[in-house]
Amino acid sequence: MDLRPILSGGIAALMFLAVIALVVYRRHNKINMFWALLAILLSGGTMLMAVVGSSVGTIYANPSGDPRSSVTEFFDALVTGDYETAYSLMDDYSDLGLDEQPESEAGKLIYQALKQSYHYELIGDCQVNMIEATQRVSMRYLDLAAVTAELDELTAKELKILVQTRDPDQVYDAEENYLPEITQEAYMLALERALKDASSCYTTLEFDVPLKYSGGEWRVLTAPELLTALSGGTGV
């Protein structure tokens, strides 16, 4: 139940009773009528404004700057690898882990190809509503699922070539199983081949980037779709 009307009525009633009490007792207690009335009005008015304000929310906001410029600066920093600048423009994240390199060689190759795939375009005008805004963005990224989908077949082809061009003792162990290093080499060759034509696995995602005016500037809020694109469609 909304208690604001009851509270407002109660405050108004108390102010009315206070005025009546002031009129009745002002001579007996030598109360200054002007200052006493002013005190009642100010204190009661403050309480009423507090109750009304809780239902209205932000009454006035006059943010400066262009939110579209903040979005441009943010994405420029992302696609060029200037993560310090990108993070400084965010409101809800301080670090997305983008500057952390994978430990494996395969992981490094994939991550490098993913970063090189990033590209964005702003779509339409920025929509501003007081201290909030949204900007439509189209972002291109490397679909990692599409890359890895063909790795098994490519690895088998590379392994076949290695078997045909290497001595048996460089391919098999004593039990005629493939040596771990030969399968790893075939996998890396297959990955390099897949990433050589990585543009065929590019995809594009459109989404709204929310912004909030905070600390005297427009700051970016992280859309789930942005995290999807940054991770190559693998989620977070």
C-alpha atoms as a PDB file:
ATOM      1  CA  MET A   1       0.000   0.000   0.000  1.00  0.00           C
ATOM      2  CA  ASP A   2       1.289   3.482  -0.879  1.00  0.00           C
ATOM      3  CA  LEU A   3       1.695   5.378   2.423  1.00  0.00           C
ATOM      4  CA  ARG A   4       2.736   8.671   0.861  1.00  0.00           C
ATOM      5  CA  PRO A   5      -0.801  10.212   0.814  1.00  0.00           C
ATOM      6  CA  ILE A   6      -1.282   9.254   4.479  1.00  0.00           C
ATOM      7  CA  LEU A   7       2.092  10.710   5.460  1.00  0.00           C
ATOM      8  CA  SER A   8       1.425  13.921   3.549  1.00  0.00           C
ATOM      9  CA  GLY A   9      -1.959  14.285   5.199  1.00  0.00           C
ATOM     10  CA  GLY A  10      -0.453  13.619   8.628  1.00  0.00           C
ATOM     11  CA  ILE A  11       2.236  16.254   8.125  1.00  0.00           C
ATOM     12  CA  ALA A  12      -0.334  18.820   6.951  1.00  0.00           C
ATOM     13  CA  ALA A  13      -2.507  18.051   9.998  1.00  0.00           C
ATOM     14  CA  LEU A  14       0.447  18.507  12.344  1.00  0.00           C
ATOM     15  CA  MET A  15       1.251  21.850  10.736  1.00  0.00           C
ATOM     16  CA  PHE A  16      -2.375  22.949  11.185  1.00  0.00           C
ATOM     17  CA  LEU A  17      -2.376  21.888  14.850  1.00  0.00           C
ATOM     18  CA  ALA A  18       0.935  23.668  15.388  1.00  0.00           C
ATOM     19  CA  VAL A  19      -0.518  26.901  14.005  1.00  0.00           C
ATOM     20  CA  ILE A  20      -3.577  26.586  16.290  1.00  0.00           C
ATOM     21  CA  ALA A  21      -1.319  25.960  19.285  1.00  0.00           C
ATOM     22  CA  LEU A  22       0.766  28.969  18.330  1.00  0.00           C
ATOM     23  CA  VAL A  23      -2.317  31.233  18.198  1.00  0.00           C
ATOM     24  CA  VAL A  24      -3.587  29.940  21.571  1.00  0.00           C
ATOM     25  CA  TYR A  25      -0.335  30.114  23.523  1.00  0.00           C
ATOM     26  CA  ARG A  26       1.659  32.867  21.808  1.00  0.00           C
ATOM     27  CA  ARG A  27       0.630  35.623  24.263  1.00  0.00           C
ATOM     28  CA  HIS A  28       1.045  33.499  27.333  1.00  0.00           C
ATOM     29  CA  ASN A  29       4.534  32.357  26.306  1.00  0.00           C
ATOM     30  CA  LYS A  30       5.509  35.612  24.550  1.00  0.00           C
ATOM     31  CA  ILE A  31       6.205  33.835  21.260  1.00  0.00           C
ATOM     32  CA  ASN A  32       7.174  35.851  18.205  1.00  0.00           C
ATOM     33  CA  MET A  33       4.375  35.115  15.743  1.00  0.00           C
ATOM     34  CA  PHE A  34       6.398  35.734  12.562  1.00  0.00           C
ATOM     35  CA  TRP A  35       9.380  33.536  13.402  1.00  0.00           C
ATOM     36  CA  ALA A  36       7.230  30.789  14.864  1.00  0.00           C
ATOM     37  CA  LEU A  37       5.049  30.603  11.735  1.00  0.00           C
ATOM     38  CA  LEU A  38       8.139  30.607   9.549  1.00  0.00           C
ATOM     39  CA  ALA A  39       9.618  27.714  11.528  1.00  0.00           C
ATOM     40  CA  ILE A  40       6.410  25.701  11.174  1.00  0.00           C
ATOM     41  CA  LEU A  41       6.203  26.339   7.439  1.00  0.00           C
ATOM     42  CA  LEU A  42       9.852  25.509   6.786  1.00  0.00           C
ATOM     43  CA  SER A  43       9.922  22.331   8.867  1.00  0.00           C
ATOM     44  CA  GLY A  44       6.584  21.090   7.555  1.00  0.00           C
ATOM     45  CA  GLY A  45       7.425  22.037   3.992  1.00  0.00           C
ATOM     46  CA  THR A  46      10.717  20.151   4.201  1.00  0.00           C
ATOM     47  CA  MET A  47       8.950  17.005   5.371  1.00  0.00           C
ATOM     48  CA  LEU A  48       6.335  17.307   2.615  1.00  0.00           C
ATOM     49  CA  MET A  49       9.012  17.753  -0.053  1.00  0.00           C
ATOM     50  CA  ALA A  50      10.795  14.653   1.210  1.00  0.00           C
ATOM     51  CA  VAL A  51       7.629  12.577   0.916  1.00  0.00           C
ATOM     52  CA  VAL A  52       6.719  13.949  -2.523  1.00  0.00           C
ATOM     53  CA  GLY A  53      10.283  13.650  -3.782  1.00  0.00           C
ATOM     54  CA  SER A  54      10.380   9.948  -2.994  1.00  0.00           C
ATOM     55  CA  SER A  55       7.590   9.371  -5.512  1.00  0.00           C
ATOM     56  CA  VAL A  56       8.753  11.802  -8.191  1.00  0.00           C
ATOM     57  CA  GLY A  57      12.410  10.752  -8.248  1.00  0.00           C
ATOM     58  CA  THR A  58      14.936  13.002  -9.945  1.00  0.00           C
ATOM     59  CA  ILE A  59      13.188  16.286 -10.609  1.00  0.00           C
ATOM     60  CA  TYR A  60      15.924  18.107 -12.487  1.00  0.00           C
ATOM     61  CA  ALA A  61      19.049  17.031 -14.277  1.00  0.00           C
ATOM     62  CA  ASN A  62      21.273  18.972 -16.638  1.00  0.00           C
ATOM     63  CA  PRO A  63      24.148  16.703 -17.698  1.00  0.00           C
ATOM     64  CA  SER A  64      26.865  18.188 -19.868  1.00  0.00           C
ATOM     65  CA  GLY A  65      28.818  16.512 -22.639  1.00  0.00           C
ATOM     66  CA  ASP A  66      27.782  14.196 -25.462  1.00  0.00           C
ATOM     67  CA  PRO A  67      27.046  10.549 -24.556  1.00  0.00           C
ATOM     68  CA  ARG A  68      27.673   9.560 -28.181  1.00  0.00           C
ATOM     69  CA  SER A  69      31.252  10.823 -27.832  1.00  0.00           C
ATOM     70  CA  SER A  70      31.732   8.647 -24.756  1.00  0.00           C
ATOM     71  CA  VAL A  71      30.537   5.586 -26.680  1.00  0.00           C
ATOM     72  CA  THR A  72      32.903   6.384 -29.557  1.00  0.00           C
ATOM     73  CA  GLU A  73      35.846   6.880 -27.232  1.00  0.00           C
ATOM     74  CA  PHE A  74      35.032   3.668 -25.382  1.00  0.00           C
ATOM     75  CA  PHE A  75      34.842   1.481 -28.483  1.00  0.00           C
ATOM     76  CA  ASP A  76      37.865   3.144 -30.070  1.00  0.00           C
ATOM     77  CA  ALA A  77      39.817   2.183 -26.964  1.00  0.00           C
ATOM     78  CA  LEU A  78      38.473  -1.379 -27.054  1.00  0.00           C
ATOM     79  CA  VAL A  79      39.337  -2.114 -30.677  1.00  0.00           C
ATOM     80  CA  THR A  80      42.824  -0.588 -30.385  1.00  0.00           C
ATOM     81  CA  GLY A  81      43.662  -2.408 -27.161  1.00  0.00           C
ATOM     82  CA  ASP A  82      43.754   0.715 -24.978  1.00  0.00           C
ATOM     83  CA  TYR A  83      42.003  -1.035 -22.106  1.00  0.00           C
ATOM     84  CA  GLU A  84      43.002   1.508 -19.456  1.00  0.00           C
ATOM     85  CA  THR A  85      41.036   4.194 -21.297  1.00  0.00           C
ATOM     86  CA  ALA A  86      38.129   1.832 -21.970  1.00  0.00           C
ATOM     87  CA  TYR A  87      37.834   0.871 -18.297  1.00  0.00           C
ATOM     88  CA  SER A  88      37.978   4.519 -17.216  1.00  0.00           C
ATOM     89  CA  LEU A  89      34.813   5.154 -19.241  1.00  0.00           C
ATOM     90  CA  MET A  90      32.856   2.299 -17.667  1.00  0.00           C
ATOM     91  CA  ASP A  91      30.532   2.642 -14.697  1.00  0.00           C
ATOM     92  CA  ASP A  92      29.783  -0.951 -13.671  1.00  0.00           C
ATOM     93  CA  TYR A  93      33.055  -2.772 -14.432  1.00  0.00           C
ATOM     94  CA  SER A  94      36.632  -1.856 -13.559  1.00  0.00           C
ATOM     95  CA  ASP A  95      38.231  -4.719 -15.501  1.00  0.00           C
ATOM     96  CA  LEU A  96      37.028  -7.113 -18.204  1.00  0.00           C
ATOM     97  CA  GLY A  97      40.205  -9.207 -18.257  1.00  0.00           C
ATOM     98  CA  LEU A  98      40.964  -8.232 -21.856  1.00  0.00           C
ATOM     99  CA  ASP A  99      44.633  -7.584 -21.190  1.00  0.00           C
ATOM    100  CA  GLU A 100      45.218 -11.072 -19.765  1.00  0.00           C
ATOM    101  CA  GLN A 101      47.018 -13.320 -22.250  1.00  0.00           C
ATOM    102  CA  PRO A 102      46.153 -17.048 -22.407  1.00  0.00           C
ATOM    103  CA  GLU A 103      48.946 -19.360 -21.318  1.00  0.00           C
ATOM    104  CA  SER A 104      48.842 -21.862 -24.206  1.00  0.00           C
ATOM    105  CA  GLU A 105      50.171 -21.106 -27.669  1.00  0.00           C
ATOM    106  CA  ALA A 106      46.844 -22.100 -29.207  1.00  0.00           C
ATOM    107  CA  GLY A 107      45.019 -19.767 -26.829  1.00  0.00           C
ATOM    108  CA  LYS A 108      47.318 -16.877 -27.742  1.00  0.00           C
ATOM    109  CA  LEU A 109      46.689 -17.419 -31.461  1.00  0.00           C
ATOM    110  CA  ILE A 110      42.928 -17.497 -30.979  1.00  0.00           C
ATOM    111  CA  TYR A 111      42.893 -14.463 -28.688  1.00  0.00           C
ATOM    112  CA  GLN A 112      45.010 -12.439 -31.093  1.00  0.00           C
ATOM    113  CA  ALA A 113      42.676 -13.286 -33.993  1.00  0.00           C
ATOM    114  CA  LEU A 114      39.678 -12.381 -31.832  1.00  0.00           C
ATOM    115  CA  LYS A 115      41.073  -8.951 -30.953  1.00  0.00           C
ATOM    116  CA  GLN A 116      41.923  -8.263 -34.578  1.00  0.00           C
ATOM    117  CA  SER A 117      38.326  -9.003 -35.566  1.00  0.00           C
ATOM    118  CA  TYR A 118      36.803  -6.260 -33.393  1.00  0.00           C
ATOM    119  CA  HIS A 119      35.083  -3.508 -35.354  1.00  0.00           C
ATOM    120  CA  TYR A 120      32.129  -1.303 -34.522  1.00  0.00           C
ATOM    121  CA  GLU A 121      29.711   1.246 -35.970  1.00  0.00           C
ATOM    122  CA  LEU A 122      27.265   3.555 -34.246  1.00  0.00           C
ATOM    123  CA  ILE A 123      23.691   3.227 -35.506  1.00  0.00           C
ATOM    124  CA  GLY A 124      21.360   6.206 -35.387  1.00  0.00           C
ATOM    125  CA  ASP A 125      21.284   8.969 -32.822  1.00  0.00           C
ATOM    126  CA  CYS A 126      21.857   8.623 -29.115  1.00  0.00           C
ATOM    127  CA  GLN A 127      18.641   8.591 -27.097  1.00  0.00           C
ATOM    128  CA  VAL A 128      18.928  10.731 -23.955  1.00  0.00           C
ATOM    129  CA  ASN A 129      16.505  10.714 -21.014  1.00  0.00           C
ATOM    130  CA  MET A 130      17.740  13.100 -18.316  1.00  0.00           C
ATOM    131  CA  ILE A 131      20.772  11.321 -16.794  1.00  0.00           C
ATOM    132  CA  GLU A 132      20.397   8.108 -18.794  1.00  0.00           C
ATOM    133  CA  ALA A 133      21.073   7.410 -22.464  1.00  0.00           C
ATOM    134  CA  THR A 134      21.282   4.564 -24.986  1.00  0.00           C
ATOM    135  CA  GLN A 135      23.242   4.265 -28.210  1.00  0.00           C
ATOM    136  CA  ARG A 136      22.673   1.520 -30.799  1.00  0.00           C
ATOM    137  CA  VAL A 137      25.923  -0.154 -31.831  1.00  0.00           C
ATOM    138  CA  SER A 138      26.874  -2.803 -34.386  1.00  0.00           C
ATOM    139  CA  MET A 139      29.945  -4.818 -33.367  1.00  0.00           C
ATOM    140  CA  ARG A 140      31.838  -7.370 -35.435  1.00  0.00           C
ATOM    141  CA  TYR A 141      33.767 -10.201 -33.821  1.00  0.00           C
ATOM    142  CA  LEU A 142      35.279 -13.603 -34.559  1.00  0.00           C
ATOM    143  CA  ASP A 143      32.824 -16.423 -33.872  1.00  0.00           C
ATOM    144  CA  LEU A 144      35.053 -18.876 -32.016  1.00  0.00           C
ATOM    145  CA  ALA A 145      32.519 -21.682 -32.305  1.00  0.00           C
ATOM    146  CA  ALA A 146      32.682 -21.402 -36.083  1.00  0.00           C
ATOM    147  CA  VAL A 147      36.477 -21.572 -35.955  1.00  0.00           C
ATOM    148  CA  THR A 148      36.666 -24.612 -33.712  1.00  0.00           C
ATOM    149  CA  ALA A 149      33.886 -26.461 -35.587  1.00  0.00           C
ATOM    150  CA  GLU A 150      36.279 -27.352 -38.400  1.00  0.00           C
ATOM    151  CA  LEU A 151      39.380 -28.006 -36.311  1.00  0.00           C
ATOM    152  CA  ASP A 152      38.830 -31.765 -35.958  1.00  0.00           C
ATOM    153  CA  GLU A 153      38.673 -32.247 -39.718  1.00  0.00           C
ATOM    154  CA  LEU A 154      41.629 -29.940 -40.361  1.00  0.00           C
ATOM    155  CA  THR A 155      43.683 -31.619 -37.633  1.00  0.00           C
ATOM    156  CA  ALA A 156      43.036 -35.031 -39.187  1.00  0.00           C
ATOM    157  CA  LYS A 157      44.238 -33.744 -42.560  1.00  0.00           C
ATOM    158  CA  GLU A 158      47.391 -32.236 -41.086  1.00  0.00           C
ATOM    159  CA  LEU A 159      48.085 -35.413 -39.126  1.00  0.00           C
ATOM    160  CA  LYS A 160      47.776 -37.457 -42.306  1.00  0.00           C
ATOM    161  CA  ILE A 161      50.340 -35.237 -44.005  1.00  0.00           C
ATOM    162  CA  LEU A 162      52.745 -35.574 -41.082  1.00  0.00           C
ATOM    163  CA  VAL A 163      52.408 -39.364 -41.101  1.00  0.00           C
ATOM    164  CA  GLN A 164      53.261 -39.424 -44.789  1.00  0.00           C
ATOM    165  CA  THR A 165      56.270 -37.120 -44.487  1.00  0.00           C
ATOM    166  CA  ARG A 166      57.846 -38.255 -41.210  1.00  0.00           C
ATOM    167  CA  ASP A 167      59.657 -41.407 -40.161  1.00  0.00           C
ATOM    168  CA  PRO A 168      57.464 -43.806 -38.161  1.00  0.00           C
ATOM    169  CA  ASP A 169      59.489 -43.297 -34.977  1.00  0.00           C
ATOM    170  CA  GLN A 170      58.713 -39.570 -35.208  1.00  0.00           C
ATOM    171  CA  VAL A 171      55.006 -40.284 -35.380  1.00  0.00           C
ATOM    172  CA  TYR A 172      54.263 -43.377 -33.254  1.00  0.00           C
ATOM    173  CA  ASP A 173      55.281 -44.596 -29.834  1.00  0.00           C
ATOM    174  CA  ALA A 174      56.209 -48.194 -28.999  1.00  0.00           C
ATOM    175  CA  GLU A 175      52.521 -49.179 -28.909  1.00  0.00           C
ATOM    176  CA  GLU A 176      51.885 -47.579 -32.309  1.00  0.00           C
ATOM    177  CA  ASN A 177      49.891 -44.720 -30.844  1.00  0.00           C
ATOM    178  CA  TYR A 178      50.424 -41.186 -32.077  1.00  0.00           C
ATOM    179  CA  LEU A 179      53.039 -39.297 -30.109  1.00  0.00           C
ATOM    180  CA  PRO A 180      51.524 -36.397 -28.108  1.00  0.00           C
ATOM    181  CA  GLU A 181      53.855 -33.913 -29.771  1.00  0.00           C
ATOM    182  CA  ILE A 182      52.799 -35.011 -33.264  1.00  0.00           C
ATOM    183  CA  THR A 183      49.097 -34.583 -32.514  1.00  0.00           C
ATOM    184  CA  GLN A 184      49.825 -31.196 -30.928  1.00  0.00           C
ATOM    185  CA  GLU A 185      51.774 -30.133 -34.009  1.00  0.00           C
ATOM    186  CA  ALA A 186      48.927 -31.218 -36.272  1.00  0.00           C
ATOM    187  CA  TYR A 187      46.436 -29.303 -34.139  1.00  0.00           C
ATOM    188  CA  MET A 188      48.515 -26.110 -34.249  1.00  0.00           C
ATOM    189  CA  LEU A 189      48.910 -26.378 -38.023  1.00  0.00           C
ATOM    190  CA  ALA A 190      45.144 -26.856 -38.360  1.00  0.00           C
ATOM    191  CA  LEU A 191      44.470 -23.872 -36.098  1.00  0.00           C
ATOM    192  CA  GLU A 192      46.823 -21.652 -38.069  1.00  0.00           C
ATOM    193  CA  ARG A 193      45.086 -22.689 -41.288  1.00  0.00           C
ATOM    194  CA  ALA A 194      41.648 -21.953 -39.806  1.00  0.00           C
ATOM    195  CA  LEU A 195      42.740 -18.541 -38.514  1.00  0.00           C
ATOM    196  CA  LYS A 196      44.442 -17.636 -41.782  1.00  0.00           C
ATOM    197  CA  ASP A 197      40.977 -17.197 -43.272  1.00  0.00           C
ATOM    198  CA  ALA A 198      39.357 -16.070 -40.031  1.00  0.00           C
ATOM    199  CA  SER A 199      37.264 -13.416 -41.783  1.00  0.00           C
ATOM    200  CA  SER A 200      34.969 -16.177 -43.025  1.00  0.00           C
ATOM    201  CA  CYS A 201      34.015 -16.763 -39.385  1.00  0.00           C
ATOM    202  CA  TYR A 202      33.260 -13.111 -38.579  1.00  0.00           C
ATOM    203  CA  THR A 203      29.783 -12.272 -37.303  1.00  0.00           C
ATOM    204  CA  THR A 204      28.047  -9.046 -36.317  1.00  0.00           C
ATOM    205  CA  LEU A 205      25.828  -8.249 -33.365  1.00  0.00           C
ATOM    206  CA  GLU A 206      23.606  -5.189 -32.880  1.00  0.00           C
ATOM    207  CA  PHE A 207      22.726  -4.031 -29.388  1.00  0.00           C
ATOM    208  CA  ASP A 208      21.961  -0.986 -27.265  1.00  0.00           C
ATOM    209  CA  VAL A 209      24.737   0.434 -25.123  1.00  0.00           C
ATOM    210  CA  PRO A 210      23.298   2.043 -21.969  1.00  0.00           C
ATOM    211  CA  LEU A 211      24.986   5.063 -20.406  1.00  0.00           C
ATOM    212  CA  LYS A 212      24.627   6.929 -17.146  1.00  0.00           C
ATOM    213  CA  TYR A 213      25.700  10.443 -16.264  1.00  0.00           C
ATOM    214  CA  SER A 214      27.902  10.016 -13.208  1.00  0.00           C
ATOM    215  CA  GLY A 215      30.721  12.054 -11.705  1.00  0.00           C
ATOM    216  CA  GLY A 216      30.272  14.838 -14.231  1.00  0.00           C
ATOM    217  CA  GLU A 217      30.606  12.631 -17.327  1.00  0.00           C
ATOM    218  CA  TRP A 218      28.738  10.073 -19.401  1.00  0.00           C
ATOM    219  CA  ARG A 219      29.868   6.569 -18.488  1.00  0.00           C
ATOM    220  CA  VAL A 220      29.161   3.289 -20.269  1.00  0.00           C
ATOM    221  CA  LEU A 221      27.162   0.480 -18.671  1.00  0.00           C
ATOM    222  CA  THR A 222      28.039  -3.010 -19.862  1.00  0.00           C
ATOM    223  CA  ALA A 223      25.419  -4.630 -22.087  1.00  0.00           C
ATOM    224  CA  PRO A 224      25.369  -8.465 -22.029  1.00  0.00           C
ATOM    225  CA  GLU A 225      25.727  -8.449 -25.818  1.00  0.00           C
ATOM    226  CA  LEU A 226      28.986  -6.531 -25.507  1.00  0.00           C
ATOM    227  CA  LEU A 227      30.452  -9.253 -23.292  1.00  0.00           C
ATOM    228  CA  THR A 228      29.277 -11.854 -25.807  1.00  0.00           C
ATOM    229  CA  ALA A 229      31.058 -10.071 -28.654  1.00  0.00           C
ATOM    230  CA  LEU A 230      34.249  -9.533 -26.676  1.00  0.00           C
ATOM    231  CA  SER A 231      34.410 -13.218 -25.826  1.00  0.00           C
ATOM    232  CA  GLY A 232      33.852 -14.357 -29.406  1.00  0.00           C
ATOM    233  CA  GLY A 233      30.317 -15.558 -28.762  1.00  0.00           C
ATOM    234  CA  THR A 234      31.353 -17.914 -25.949  1.00  0.00           C
ATOM    235  CA  GLY A 235      29.623 -15.930 -23.209  1.00  0.00           C
ATOM    236  CA  VAL A 236      31.176 -14.903 -19.895  1.00  0.00           C
END
